[in-house]
């Protein structure tokens, strides 16, 4: 596990994370990219616990995601199985587990104010925090992807599954986009990554 983690998280966080992972009944797996999530946690039928994390995440997003999932395990263990997945017990646990790594030895200085703001009330995914998502994206491998909020009004974009949409107006939190083939309107997270079409 230590050798695998060294490839994915900032070096200064490795001892702390290894200590968090000292659960005899916990399995951590690094997976190929999944488009709908960065990671997940689940209790297996054999009473073991499993965390999976996408291999394509940059080291800072990988660390945040890993601790997010460890927080599910810790909250489940401490408060029982009837808590909400991203309720107050999970939020408090996530905040507590993140605090030791929110420092300039682990994260770049430009991320720390955004992380501090985010962790006052962490959400189910850091992707819903537009400023933080954009700041984390700068550490990704270069690609041709854009966030939906960056796409000009009326411009077309393509999803990973090949479907093409035209960007419409912004609602309170989501952006209206019309699928070109069907004419159906969908609501997009502003931070969904898409391929801009000319």
N, C-alpha and C. Protein backbone atom coordinates (compact mmCIF):
# COMPACT_ATOMS: atom_id res chain seq x y z
N UNK A 1 0.82 -1.20 0.00
CA UNK A 1 0.00 0.00 0.00
C UNK A 1 0.86 1.26 0.00
N UNK A 2 1.93 1.27 0.80
CA UNK A 2 2.76 2.48 0.88
C UNK A 2 3.36 2.82 -0.47
N UNK A 3 3.88 1.82 -1.19
CA UNK A 3 4.50 2.07 -2.49
C UNK A 3 3.47 2.62 -3.47
N UNK A 4 2.26 2.06 -3.45
CA UNK A 4 1.20 2.53 -4.33
C UNK A 4 0.84 3.98 -4.01
N UNK A 5 0.65 4.30 -2.74
CA UNK A 5 0.26 5.65 -2.36
C UNK A 5 1.32 6.68 -2.69
N UNK A 6 2.57 6.31 -2.62
CA UNK A 6 3.64 7.26 -2.93
C UNK A 6 3.52 7.79 -4.35
N UNK A 7 2.89 7.02 -5.21
CA UNK A 7 2.71 7.44 -6.60
C UNK A 7 1.56 8.42 -6.78
N UNK A 8 0.69 8.54 -5.77
CA UNK A 8 -0.56 9.27 -5.96
C UNK A 8 -0.77 10.48 -5.05
N UNK A 9 -0.14 10.52 -3.90
CA UNK A 9 -0.40 11.63 -2.97
C UNK A 9 0.88 12.40 -2.68
N UNK A 10 0.76 13.64 -2.22
CA UNK A 10 1.96 14.41 -1.87
C UNK A 10 2.79 13.67 -0.81
N UNK A 11 4.11 13.67 -0.99
CA UNK A 11 5.01 12.90 -0.14
C UNK A 11 4.84 13.23 1.34
N UNK A 12 4.64 14.50 1.66
CA UNK A 12 4.52 14.91 3.07
C UNK A 12 3.28 14.33 3.76
N UNK A 13 2.30 13.90 2.97
CA UNK A 13 1.05 13.36 3.55
C UNK A 13 1.11 11.85 3.76
N UNK A 14 2.12 11.19 3.22
CA UNK A 14 2.14 9.72 3.25
C UNK A 14 2.10 9.15 4.67
N UNK A 15 2.96 9.58 5.61
CA UNK A 15 2.90 8.99 6.96
C UNK A 15 1.52 9.16 7.61
N UNK A 16 0.93 10.33 7.46
CA UNK A 16 -0.39 10.59 8.05
C UNK A 16 -1.44 9.66 7.45
N UNK A 17 -1.44 9.54 6.13
CA UNK A 17 -2.44 8.71 5.45
C UNK A 17 -2.25 7.24 5.82
N UNK A 18 -1.01 6.77 5.88
CA UNK A 18 -0.78 5.38 6.26
C UNK A 18 -1.31 5.10 7.66
N UNK A 19 -1.17 6.06 8.54
CA UNK A 19 -1.71 5.90 9.89
C UNK A 19 -3.25 5.82 9.86
N UNK A 20 -3.88 6.64 9.01
CA UNK A 20 -5.34 6.60 8.88
C UNK A 20 -5.83 5.26 8.33
N UNK A 21 -4.99 4.63 7.51
CA UNK A 21 -5.39 3.38 6.84
C UNK A 21 -5.09 2.13 7.65
N UNK A 22 -4.72 2.29 8.90
CA UNK A 22 -4.41 1.13 9.75
C UNK A 22 -5.68 0.46 10.24
N UNK A 23 -6.45 -0.04 9.33
CA UNK A 23 -7.65 -0.81 9.64
C UNK A 23 -7.44 -2.20 9.05
N UNK A 24 -7.53 -3.23 9.87
CA UNK A 24 -7.33 -4.59 9.37
C UNK A 24 -8.37 -4.99 8.34
N UNK A 25 -9.55 -4.38 8.44
CA UNK A 25 -10.65 -4.79 7.56
C UNK A 25 -10.90 -3.79 6.42
N UNK A 26 -9.86 -3.00 6.06
CA UNK A 26 -10.01 -1.99 5.00
C UNK A 26 -9.15 -2.34 3.79
N UNK A 27 -9.76 -2.27 2.62
CA UNK A 27 -9.06 -2.49 1.36
C UNK A 27 -9.17 -1.21 0.55
N UNK A 28 -8.04 -0.69 0.05
CA UNK A 28 -8.03 0.49 -0.80
C UNK A 28 -7.58 0.06 -2.19
N UNK A 29 -8.39 0.41 -3.21
CA UNK A 29 -8.06 0.06 -4.59
C UNK A 29 -8.00 1.32 -5.44
N UNK A 30 -6.99 1.39 -6.29
CA UNK A 30 -6.87 2.49 -7.25
C UNK A 30 -7.44 1.96 -8.56
N UNK A 31 -8.42 2.69 -9.11
CA UNK A 31 -9.16 2.25 -10.29
C UNK A 31 -8.88 3.13 -11.49
N UNK A 32 -9.24 2.61 -12.66
CA UNK A 32 -9.22 3.44 -13.87
C UNK A 32 -10.26 4.54 -13.71
N UNK A 33 -10.14 5.58 -14.53
CA UNK A 33 -11.05 6.73 -14.43
C UNK A 33 -12.51 6.30 -14.56
N UNK A 34 -13.33 6.82 -13.66
CA UNK A 34 -14.78 6.69 -13.75
C UNK A 34 -15.32 8.09 -13.93
N UNK A 35 -16.20 8.28 -14.88
CA UNK A 35 -16.66 9.63 -15.23
C UNK A 35 -17.60 10.22 -14.19
N UNK A 36 -18.27 9.38 -13.41
CA UNK A 36 -19.31 9.88 -12.51
C UNK A 36 -18.82 10.10 -11.08
N UNK A 37 -17.60 9.68 -10.74
CA UNK A 37 -17.12 9.86 -9.37
C UNK A 37 -15.60 9.81 -9.33
N UNK A 38 -15.04 10.43 -8.29
CA UNK A 38 -13.59 10.38 -8.07
C UNK A 38 -13.22 9.18 -7.21
N UNK A 39 -14.12 8.78 -6.33
CA UNK A 39 -13.86 7.66 -5.44
C UNK A 39 -15.14 7.22 -4.77
N UNK A 40 -15.07 6.10 -4.03
CA UNK A 40 -16.24 5.69 -3.25
C UNK A 40 -15.82 4.81 -2.08
N UNK A 41 -16.74 4.70 -1.16
CA UNK A 41 -16.56 3.85 0.02
C UNK A 41 -17.76 2.94 0.13
N UNK A 42 -17.52 1.68 0.51
CA UNK A 42 -18.65 0.80 0.80
C UNK A 42 -18.25 -0.28 1.78
N UNK A 43 -19.23 -0.70 2.55
CA UNK A 43 -19.03 -1.84 3.43
C UNK A 43 -19.40 -3.08 2.63
N UNK A 44 -18.50 -4.04 2.60
CA UNK A 44 -18.70 -5.26 1.81
C UNK A 44 -19.51 -6.29 2.60
N UNK A 45 -20.12 -7.25 1.90
CA UNK A 45 -20.92 -8.27 2.60
C UNK A 45 -20.13 -9.07 3.65
N UNK A 46 -18.82 -9.19 3.48
CA UNK A 46 -18.00 -9.93 4.45
C UNK A 46 -17.56 -9.07 5.63
N UNK A 47 -18.21 -7.89 5.79
CA UNK A 47 -17.93 -6.93 6.86
C UNK A 47 -16.59 -6.20 6.72
N UNK A 48 -15.90 -6.40 5.62
CA UNK A 48 -14.71 -5.59 5.34
C UNK A 48 -15.18 -4.27 4.71
N UNK A 49 -14.28 -3.30 4.64
CA UNK A 49 -14.61 -2.00 4.06
C UNK A 49 -13.70 -1.78 2.86
N UNK A 50 -14.25 -1.16 1.82
CA UNK A 50 -13.48 -0.93 0.60
C UNK A 50 -13.58 0.53 0.18
N UNK A 51 -12.43 1.10 -0.16
CA UNK A 51 -12.36 2.44 -0.72
C UNK A 51 -11.73 2.31 -2.10
N UNK A 52 -12.34 2.95 -3.08
CA UNK A 52 -11.74 3.00 -4.42
C UNK A 52 -11.52 4.46 -4.79
N UNK A 53 -10.41 4.72 -5.47
CA UNK A 53 -10.05 6.07 -5.91
C UNK A 53 -9.61 6.00 -7.36
N UNK A 54 -9.98 6.99 -8.15
CA UNK A 54 -9.57 7.04 -9.56
C UNK A 54 -8.08 7.34 -9.69
N UNK A 55 -7.40 6.61 -10.55
CA UNK A 55 -5.95 6.75 -10.73
C UNK A 55 -5.58 8.04 -11.46
N UNK A 56 -6.52 8.65 -12.20
CA UNK A 56 -6.19 9.81 -13.03
C UNK A 56 -6.21 11.14 -12.28
N UNK A 57 -6.49 11.14 -10.99
CA UNK A 57 -6.58 12.39 -10.24
C UNK A 57 -5.19 12.95 -9.94
N UNK A 58 -5.06 14.28 -9.95
CA UNK A 58 -3.77 14.85 -9.54
C UNK A 58 -3.57 14.57 -8.04
N UNK A 59 -2.36 14.72 -7.54
CA UNK A 59 -2.05 14.28 -6.17
C UNK A 59 -2.88 15.00 -5.10
N UNK A 60 -3.22 16.27 -5.33
CA UNK A 60 -3.98 17.02 -4.34
C UNK A 60 -5.45 16.56 -4.32
N UNK A 61 -6.02 16.38 -5.50
CA UNK A 61 -7.40 15.89 -5.58
C UNK A 61 -7.47 14.45 -5.07
N UNK A 62 -6.43 13.65 -5.36
CA UNK A 62 -6.40 12.26 -4.90
C UNK A 62 -6.42 12.23 -3.36
N UNK A 63 -5.60 13.07 -2.74
CA UNK A 63 -5.53 13.13 -1.28
C UNK A 63 -6.87 13.55 -0.68
N UNK A 64 -7.48 14.60 -1.23
CA UNK A 64 -8.78 15.06 -0.73
C UNK A 64 -9.82 13.96 -0.87
N UNK A 65 -9.83 13.28 -2.02
CA UNK A 65 -10.80 12.21 -2.26
C UNK A 65 -10.57 11.03 -1.32
N UNK A 66 -9.31 10.64 -1.13
CA UNK A 66 -9.01 9.53 -0.24
C UNK A 66 -9.48 9.84 1.19
N UNK A 67 -9.18 11.03 1.68
CA UNK A 67 -9.60 11.38 3.05
C UNK A 67 -11.12 11.52 3.13
N UNK A 68 -11.76 11.99 2.06
CA UNK A 68 -13.23 12.04 1.97
C UNK A 68 -13.80 10.64 2.22
N UNK A 69 -13.22 9.64 1.54
CA UNK A 69 -13.72 8.27 1.66
C UNK A 69 -13.38 7.66 3.02
N UNK A 70 -12.19 7.96 3.55
CA UNK A 70 -11.83 7.49 4.90
C UNK A 70 -12.82 8.07 5.91
N UNK A 71 -13.25 9.31 5.70
CA UNK A 71 -14.22 9.95 6.60
C UNK A 71 -15.54 9.18 6.62
N UNK A 72 -15.93 8.61 5.47
CA UNK A 72 -17.15 7.77 5.45
C UNK A 72 -16.97 6.57 6.37
N UNK A 73 -15.83 5.91 6.27
CA UNK A 73 -15.55 4.75 7.13
C UNK A 73 -15.55 5.15 8.60
N UNK A 74 -14.83 6.24 8.92
CA UNK A 74 -14.73 6.69 10.32
C UNK A 74 -16.10 7.08 10.87
N UNK A 75 -16.89 7.80 10.08
CA UNK A 75 -18.22 8.23 10.53
C UNK A 75 -19.14 7.02 10.71
N UNK A 76 -19.05 6.08 9.79
CA UNK A 76 -19.85 4.85 9.85
C UNK A 76 -19.50 4.09 11.13
N UNK A 77 -18.21 3.97 11.41
CA UNK A 77 -17.73 3.23 12.58
C UNK A 77 -18.16 3.92 13.89
N UNK A 78 -18.06 5.24 13.91
CA UNK A 78 -18.34 5.99 15.14
C UNK A 78 -19.83 6.20 15.39
N UNK A 79 -20.60 6.50 14.34
CA UNK A 79 -21.99 6.91 14.52
C UNK A 79 -23.02 5.87 14.07
N UNK A 80 -22.58 4.81 13.40
CA UNK A 80 -23.52 3.78 12.95
C UNK A 80 -23.97 3.97 11.52
N UNK A 81 -24.72 3.01 11.06
CA UNK A 81 -25.06 2.97 9.62
C UNK A 81 -26.27 3.82 9.25
N UNK A 82 -26.93 4.45 10.21
CA UNK A 82 -28.16 5.18 9.89
C UNK A 82 -27.93 6.67 9.67
N UNK A 83 -26.68 7.12 9.65
CA UNK A 83 -26.40 8.53 9.39
C UNK A 83 -26.52 8.82 7.90
N UNK A 84 -26.74 10.09 7.56
CA UNK A 84 -26.78 10.47 6.14
C UNK A 84 -25.37 10.39 5.58
N UNK A 85 -25.21 9.95 4.32
CA UNK A 85 -23.86 9.78 3.74
C UNK A 85 -23.00 11.04 3.82
N UNK A 86 -23.58 12.21 3.60
CA UNK A 86 -22.83 13.46 3.67
C UNK A 86 -23.46 14.42 4.67
N UNK A 87 -23.96 13.84 5.76
CA UNK A 87 -24.59 14.62 6.81
C UNK A 87 -23.58 15.21 7.77
N UNK A 88 -24.09 15.75 8.88
CA UNK A 88 -23.23 16.49 9.81
C UNK A 88 -22.14 15.61 10.43
N UNK A 89 -22.43 14.34 10.67
CA UNK A 89 -21.41 13.45 11.26
C UNK A 89 -20.25 13.25 10.29
N UNK A 90 -20.58 13.05 9.02
CA UNK A 90 -19.53 12.88 8.01
C UNK A 90 -18.74 14.19 7.85
N UNK A 91 -19.45 15.32 7.79
CA UNK A 91 -18.79 16.63 7.62
C UNK A 91 -17.79 16.88 8.74
N UNK A 92 -18.21 16.64 9.98
CA UNK A 92 -17.32 16.86 11.12
C UNK A 92 -16.11 15.93 11.07
N UNK A 93 -16.35 14.69 10.68
CA UNK A 93 -15.26 13.71 10.57
C UNK A 93 -14.29 14.12 9.47
N UNK A 94 -14.81 14.53 8.33
CA UNK A 94 -13.98 14.95 7.20
C UNK A 94 -13.13 16.16 7.58
N UNK A 95 -13.76 17.15 8.21
CA UNK A 95 -13.03 18.34 8.66
C UNK A 95 -11.88 17.94 9.60
N UNK A 96 -12.19 17.09 10.57
CA UNK A 96 -11.20 16.65 11.56
C UNK A 96 -10.03 15.92 10.89
N UNK A 97 -10.34 15.06 9.91
CA UNK A 97 -9.29 14.28 9.25
C UNK A 97 -8.46 15.13 8.29
N UNK A 98 -9.03 16.18 7.72
CA UNK A 98 -8.30 17.03 6.77
C UNK A 98 -7.39 18.03 7.47
N UNK A 99 -7.76 18.44 8.67
CA UNK A 99 -7.02 19.50 9.36
C UNK A 99 -5.50 19.29 9.41
N UNK A 100 -5.00 18.09 9.74
CA UNK A 100 -3.53 17.91 9.82
C UNK A 100 -2.79 18.09 8.49
N UNK A 101 -3.49 18.00 7.36
CA UNK A 101 -2.79 18.14 6.06
C UNK A 101 -3.02 19.50 5.41
N UNK A 102 -3.85 20.34 6.01
CA UNK A 102 -4.10 21.67 5.43
C UNK A 102 -2.97 22.62 5.82
N UNK A 103 -1.83 22.40 5.21
CA UNK A 103 -0.64 23.22 5.50
C UNK A 103 0.25 23.27 4.26
N UNK A 104 1.18 24.24 4.22
CA UNK A 104 2.00 24.43 3.01
C UNK A 104 3.02 23.33 2.73
N UNK A 105 3.22 22.40 3.68
CA UNK A 105 4.09 21.26 3.38
C UNK A 105 3.39 20.27 2.46
N UNK A 106 2.06 20.26 2.50
CA UNK A 106 1.28 19.30 1.71
C UNK A 106 0.65 19.96 0.49
N UNK A 107 -0.01 21.10 0.67
CA UNK A 107 -0.72 21.77 -0.42
C UNK A 107 -0.02 23.07 -0.81
N UNK A 108 -0.06 23.43 -2.10
CA UNK A 108 0.50 24.72 -2.53
C UNK A 108 -0.24 25.87 -1.84
N UNK A 109 0.49 26.95 -1.60
CA UNK A 109 -0.07 28.11 -0.90
C UNK A 109 -1.35 28.64 -1.56
N UNK A 110 -1.41 28.62 -2.90
CA UNK A 110 -2.58 29.18 -3.57
C UNK A 110 -3.86 28.36 -3.34
N UNK A 111 -3.70 27.09 -2.95
CA UNK A 111 -4.88 26.25 -2.68
C UNK A 111 -5.39 26.40 -1.24
N UNK A 112 -4.50 26.75 -0.31
CA UNK A 112 -4.87 26.73 1.11
C UNK A 112 -6.05 27.62 1.48
N UNK A 113 -6.14 28.88 1.00
CA UNK A 113 -7.32 29.68 1.35
C UNK A 113 -8.62 29.08 0.81
N UNK A 114 -8.56 28.51 -0.40
CA UNK A 114 -9.75 27.90 -1.00
C UNK A 114 -10.15 26.64 -0.23
N UNK A 115 -9.16 25.85 0.19
CA UNK A 115 -9.45 24.65 0.98
C UNK A 115 -10.02 25.03 2.35
N UNK A 116 -9.46 26.05 2.98
CA UNK A 116 -9.96 26.50 4.28
C UNK A 116 -11.43 26.92 4.17
N UNK A 117 -11.75 27.64 3.11
CA UNK A 117 -13.14 28.07 2.89
C UNK A 117 -14.04 26.87 2.65
N UNK A 118 -13.58 25.94 1.81
CA UNK A 118 -14.37 24.75 1.47
C UNK A 118 -14.67 23.91 2.71
N UNK A 119 -13.66 23.76 3.58
CA UNK A 119 -13.83 22.86 4.72
C UNK A 119 -14.55 23.49 5.91
N UNK A 120 -15.02 24.72 5.76
CA UNK A 120 -15.93 25.26 6.78
C UNK A 120 -17.25 24.50 6.73
N UNK A 121 -17.63 24.06 5.53
CA UNK A 121 -18.85 23.27 5.35
C UNK A 121 -18.67 22.38 4.11
N UNK A 122 -17.90 21.29 4.23
CA UNK A 122 -17.59 20.47 3.05
C UNK A 122 -18.83 19.87 2.41
N UNK A 123 -18.80 19.81 1.09
CA UNK A 123 -19.91 19.26 0.32
C UNK A 123 -19.60 17.81 -0.07
N UNK A 124 -20.60 17.18 -0.69
CA UNK A 124 -20.44 15.78 -1.10
C UNK A 124 -19.31 15.60 -2.10
N UNK A 125 -19.02 16.64 -2.86
CA UNK A 125 -17.88 16.61 -3.79
C UNK A 125 -17.27 18.00 -3.88
N UNK A 126 -15.95 18.04 -3.98
CA UNK A 126 -15.29 19.35 -4.14
C UNK A 126 -15.59 19.95 -5.50
N UNK A 127 -16.14 19.16 -6.42
CA UNK A 127 -16.47 19.67 -7.75
C UNK A 127 -17.59 20.71 -7.71
N UNK A 128 -18.40 20.72 -6.66
CA UNK A 128 -19.47 21.72 -6.59
C UNK A 128 -18.94 23.08 -6.16
N UNK A 129 -17.72 23.11 -5.68
CA UNK A 129 -17.07 24.37 -5.29
C UNK A 129 -16.28 24.86 -6.51
N UNK A 130 -16.88 25.79 -7.27
CA UNK A 130 -16.32 26.22 -8.55
C UNK A 130 -14.90 26.73 -8.42
N UNK A 131 -14.63 27.59 -7.46
CA UNK A 131 -13.28 28.16 -7.30
C UNK A 131 -12.26 27.07 -6.99
N UNK A 132 -12.60 26.17 -6.06
CA UNK A 132 -11.67 25.11 -5.69
C UNK A 132 -11.45 24.15 -6.85
N UNK A 133 -12.52 23.78 -7.55
CA UNK A 133 -12.39 22.85 -8.68
C UNK A 133 -11.48 23.44 -9.76
N UNK A 134 -11.64 24.71 -10.05
CA UNK A 134 -10.82 25.37 -11.06
C UNK A 134 -9.36 25.45 -10.61
N UNK A 135 -9.15 25.75 -9.33
CA UNK A 135 -7.78 25.82 -8.79
C UNK A 135 -7.11 24.44 -8.81
N UNK A 136 -7.87 23.39 -8.48
CA UNK A 136 -7.30 22.03 -8.50
C UNK A 136 -7.00 21.58 -9.92
N UNK A 137 -7.82 22.03 -10.89
CA UNK A 137 -7.64 21.62 -12.28
C UNK A 137 -6.28 22.04 -12.84
N UNK A 138 -5.72 23.14 -12.34
CA UNK A 138 -4.43 23.60 -12.86
C UNK A 138 -3.31 22.59 -12.59
N UNK A 139 -3.53 21.65 -11.68
CA UNK A 139 -2.52 20.63 -11.37
C UNK A 139 -2.76 19.33 -12.13
N UNK A 140 -3.81 19.29 -12.96
CA UNK A 140 -4.09 18.11 -13.80
C UNK A 140 -3.13 18.07 -14.97
N UNK A 141 -3.00 16.89 -15.56
CA UNK A 141 -2.26 16.77 -16.82
C UNK A 141 -3.00 17.62 -17.85
N UNK A 142 -2.27 18.32 -18.74
CA UNK A 142 -2.94 19.14 -19.75
C UNK A 142 -3.90 18.30 -20.61
N UNK A 143 -5.08 18.86 -20.87
CA UNK A 143 -6.04 18.19 -21.75
C UNK A 143 -6.88 19.25 -22.46
N UNK A 144 -7.75 18.80 -23.35
CA UNK A 144 -8.56 19.72 -24.14
C UNK A 144 -9.93 19.97 -23.51
N UNK A 145 -10.08 19.62 -22.24
CA UNK A 145 -11.37 19.74 -21.58
C UNK A 145 -11.57 21.14 -21.00
N UNK A 146 -12.85 21.55 -20.94
CA UNK A 146 -13.26 22.80 -20.33
C UNK A 146 -14.39 22.49 -19.36
N UNK A 147 -14.60 23.37 -18.41
CA UNK A 147 -15.78 23.25 -17.56
C UNK A 147 -16.96 23.88 -18.30
N UNK A 148 -18.17 23.38 -18.03
CA UNK A 148 -19.36 23.90 -18.69
C UNK A 148 -19.48 25.41 -18.46
N UNK A 149 -19.15 25.90 -17.25
CA UNK A 149 -19.28 27.34 -17.00
C UNK A 149 -18.34 28.17 -17.86
N UNK A 150 -17.29 27.56 -18.43
CA UNK A 150 -16.35 28.27 -19.29
C UNK A 150 -16.82 28.30 -20.74
N UNK A 151 -17.78 27.46 -21.09
CA UNK A 151 -18.29 27.38 -22.46
C UNK A 151 -19.14 28.62 -22.74
N UNK A 152 -18.91 29.31 -23.86
CA UNK A 152 -19.73 30.50 -24.17
C UNK A 152 -21.21 30.14 -24.37
N UNK A 153 -22.08 31.05 -24.01
CA UNK A 153 -23.52 30.87 -24.19
C UNK A 153 -23.82 30.57 -25.65
N UNK A 154 -24.59 29.52 -25.92
CA UNK A 154 -24.96 29.15 -27.28
C UNK A 154 -23.94 28.27 -27.99
N UNK A 155 -22.77 28.07 -27.39
CA UNK A 155 -21.75 27.22 -28.01
C UNK A 155 -22.07 25.75 -27.74
N UNK A 156 -21.50 24.88 -28.58
CA UNK A 156 -21.73 23.45 -28.46
C UNK A 156 -20.55 22.76 -27.82
N UNK A 157 -20.84 21.69 -27.11
CA UNK A 157 -19.80 20.89 -26.47
C UNK A 157 -20.20 19.43 -26.50
N UNK A 158 -19.19 18.57 -26.31
CA UNK A 158 -19.41 17.13 -26.36
C UNK A 158 -19.02 16.51 -25.03
N UNK A 159 -19.81 15.53 -24.59
CA UNK A 159 -19.50 14.76 -23.39
C UNK A 159 -18.61 13.58 -23.73
N UNK A 160 -18.09 12.92 -22.70
CA UNK A 160 -17.23 11.74 -22.88
C UNK A 160 -17.95 10.62 -23.63
N UNK A 161 -19.31 10.60 -23.57
CA UNK A 161 -20.08 9.54 -24.23
C UNK A 161 -20.46 9.91 -25.67
N UNK A 162 -19.98 11.06 -26.15
CA UNK A 162 -20.23 11.47 -27.53
C UNK A 162 -21.45 12.36 -27.73
N UNK A 163 -22.30 12.50 -26.73
CA UNK A 163 -23.50 13.33 -26.88
C UNK A 163 -23.10 14.80 -26.96
N UNK A 164 -23.80 15.53 -27.85
CA UNK A 164 -23.49 16.93 -28.09
C UNK A 164 -24.62 17.81 -27.53
N UNK A 165 -24.22 18.89 -26.86
CA UNK A 165 -25.17 19.81 -26.23
C UNK A 165 -24.85 21.24 -26.61
N UNK A 166 -25.86 22.10 -26.50
CA UNK A 166 -25.69 23.53 -26.66
C UNK A 166 -25.94 24.18 -25.31
N UNK A 167 -25.04 25.06 -24.92
CA UNK A 167 -25.15 25.68 -23.60
C UNK A 167 -26.22 26.78 -23.60
N UNK A 168 -27.04 26.75 -22.54
CA UNK A 168 -28.09 27.75 -22.37
C UNK A 168 -27.84 28.60 -21.13
N UNK A 169 -28.92 29.08 -20.55
CA UNK A 169 -28.86 30.01 -19.42
C UNK A 169 -28.51 29.30 -18.11
N UNK A 170 -27.94 30.07 -17.21
CA UNK A 170 -27.62 29.56 -15.88
C UNK A 170 -28.83 29.73 -14.98
N UNK A 171 -29.15 28.68 -14.24
CA UNK A 171 -30.15 28.79 -13.17
C UNK A 171 -29.39 29.15 -11.90
N UNK A 172 -29.96 28.87 -10.75
CA UNK A 172 -29.30 29.23 -9.50
C UNK A 172 -27.96 28.50 -9.37
N UNK A 173 -27.98 27.17 -9.51
CA UNK A 173 -26.75 26.41 -9.35
C UNK A 173 -26.36 25.61 -10.58
N UNK A 174 -27.29 25.35 -11.46
CA UNK A 174 -27.04 24.51 -12.64
C UNK A 174 -27.17 25.33 -13.92
N UNK A 175 -26.70 24.74 -15.02
CA UNK A 175 -26.76 25.41 -16.32
C UNK A 175 -27.62 24.58 -17.26
N UNK A 176 -28.59 25.24 -17.89
CA UNK A 176 -29.46 24.58 -18.86
C UNK A 176 -28.67 24.30 -20.13
N UNK A 177 -28.71 23.06 -20.60
CA UNK A 177 -28.05 22.69 -21.85
C UNK A 177 -28.99 21.79 -22.63
N UNK A 178 -29.08 22.02 -23.95
CA UNK A 178 -30.00 21.26 -24.79
C UNK A 178 -29.21 20.24 -25.60
N UNK A 179 -29.65 18.97 -25.52
CA UNK A 179 -29.02 17.93 -26.33
C UNK A 179 -29.41 18.16 -27.78
N UNK A 180 -28.42 18.24 -28.67
CA UNK A 180 -28.65 18.60 -30.06
C UNK A 180 -29.54 17.58 -30.76
N UNK A 181 -29.31 16.30 -30.58
CA UNK A 181 -30.06 15.26 -31.31
C UNK A 181 -31.52 15.20 -30.87
N UNK A 182 -31.78 15.17 -29.56
CA UNK A 182 -33.14 14.96 -29.06
C UNK A 182 -33.91 16.26 -28.81
N UNK A 183 -33.19 17.37 -28.61
CA UNK A 183 -33.85 18.63 -28.26
C UNK A 183 -34.24 18.71 -26.79
N UNK A 184 -33.88 17.69 -26.01
CA UNK A 184 -34.21 17.68 -24.58
C UNK A 184 -33.27 18.59 -23.82
N UNK A 185 -33.83 19.21 -22.77
CA UNK A 185 -33.03 20.10 -21.94
C UNK A 185 -32.55 19.34 -20.71
N UNK A 186 -31.27 19.52 -20.38
CA UNK A 186 -30.66 18.91 -19.20
C UNK A 186 -30.03 20.01 -18.35
N UNK A 187 -29.93 19.75 -17.05
CA UNK A 187 -29.27 20.68 -16.15
C UNK A 187 -27.88 20.14 -15.81
N UNK A 188 -26.86 20.95 -16.05
CA UNK A 188 -25.47 20.53 -15.85
C UNK A 188 -24.86 21.21 -14.64
N UNK A 189 -24.03 20.47 -13.94
CA UNK A 189 -23.17 21.05 -12.91
C UNK A 189 -22.21 21.98 -13.66
N UNK A 190 -22.01 23.22 -13.19
CA UNK A 190 -21.10 24.14 -13.89
C UNK A 190 -19.68 23.60 -14.04
N UNK A 191 -19.29 22.68 -13.17
CA UNK A 191 -17.92 22.14 -13.19
C UNK A 191 -17.81 20.82 -13.92
N UNK A 192 -18.84 20.43 -14.68
CA UNK A 192 -18.72 19.22 -15.49
C UNK A 192 -17.69 19.47 -16.59
N UNK A 193 -16.78 18.52 -16.79
CA UNK A 193 -15.74 18.69 -17.82
C UNK A 193 -16.27 18.20 -19.16
N UNK A 194 -16.08 19.04 -20.18
CA UNK A 194 -16.61 18.74 -21.51
C UNK A 194 -15.58 19.15 -22.57
N UNK A 195 -15.83 18.71 -23.79
CA UNK A 195 -14.96 19.08 -24.92
C UNK A 195 -15.67 20.14 -25.75
N UNK A 196 -15.06 21.30 -25.85
CA UNK A 196 -15.66 22.41 -26.61
C UNK A 196 -15.56 22.11 -28.09
N UNK A 197 -16.67 22.33 -28.82
CA UNK A 197 -16.69 22.11 -30.27
C UNK A 197 -16.64 23.45 -30.99
N UNK A 198 -16.01 23.47 -32.17
CA UNK A 198 -15.90 24.74 -32.93
C UNK A 198 -17.19 25.07 -33.63
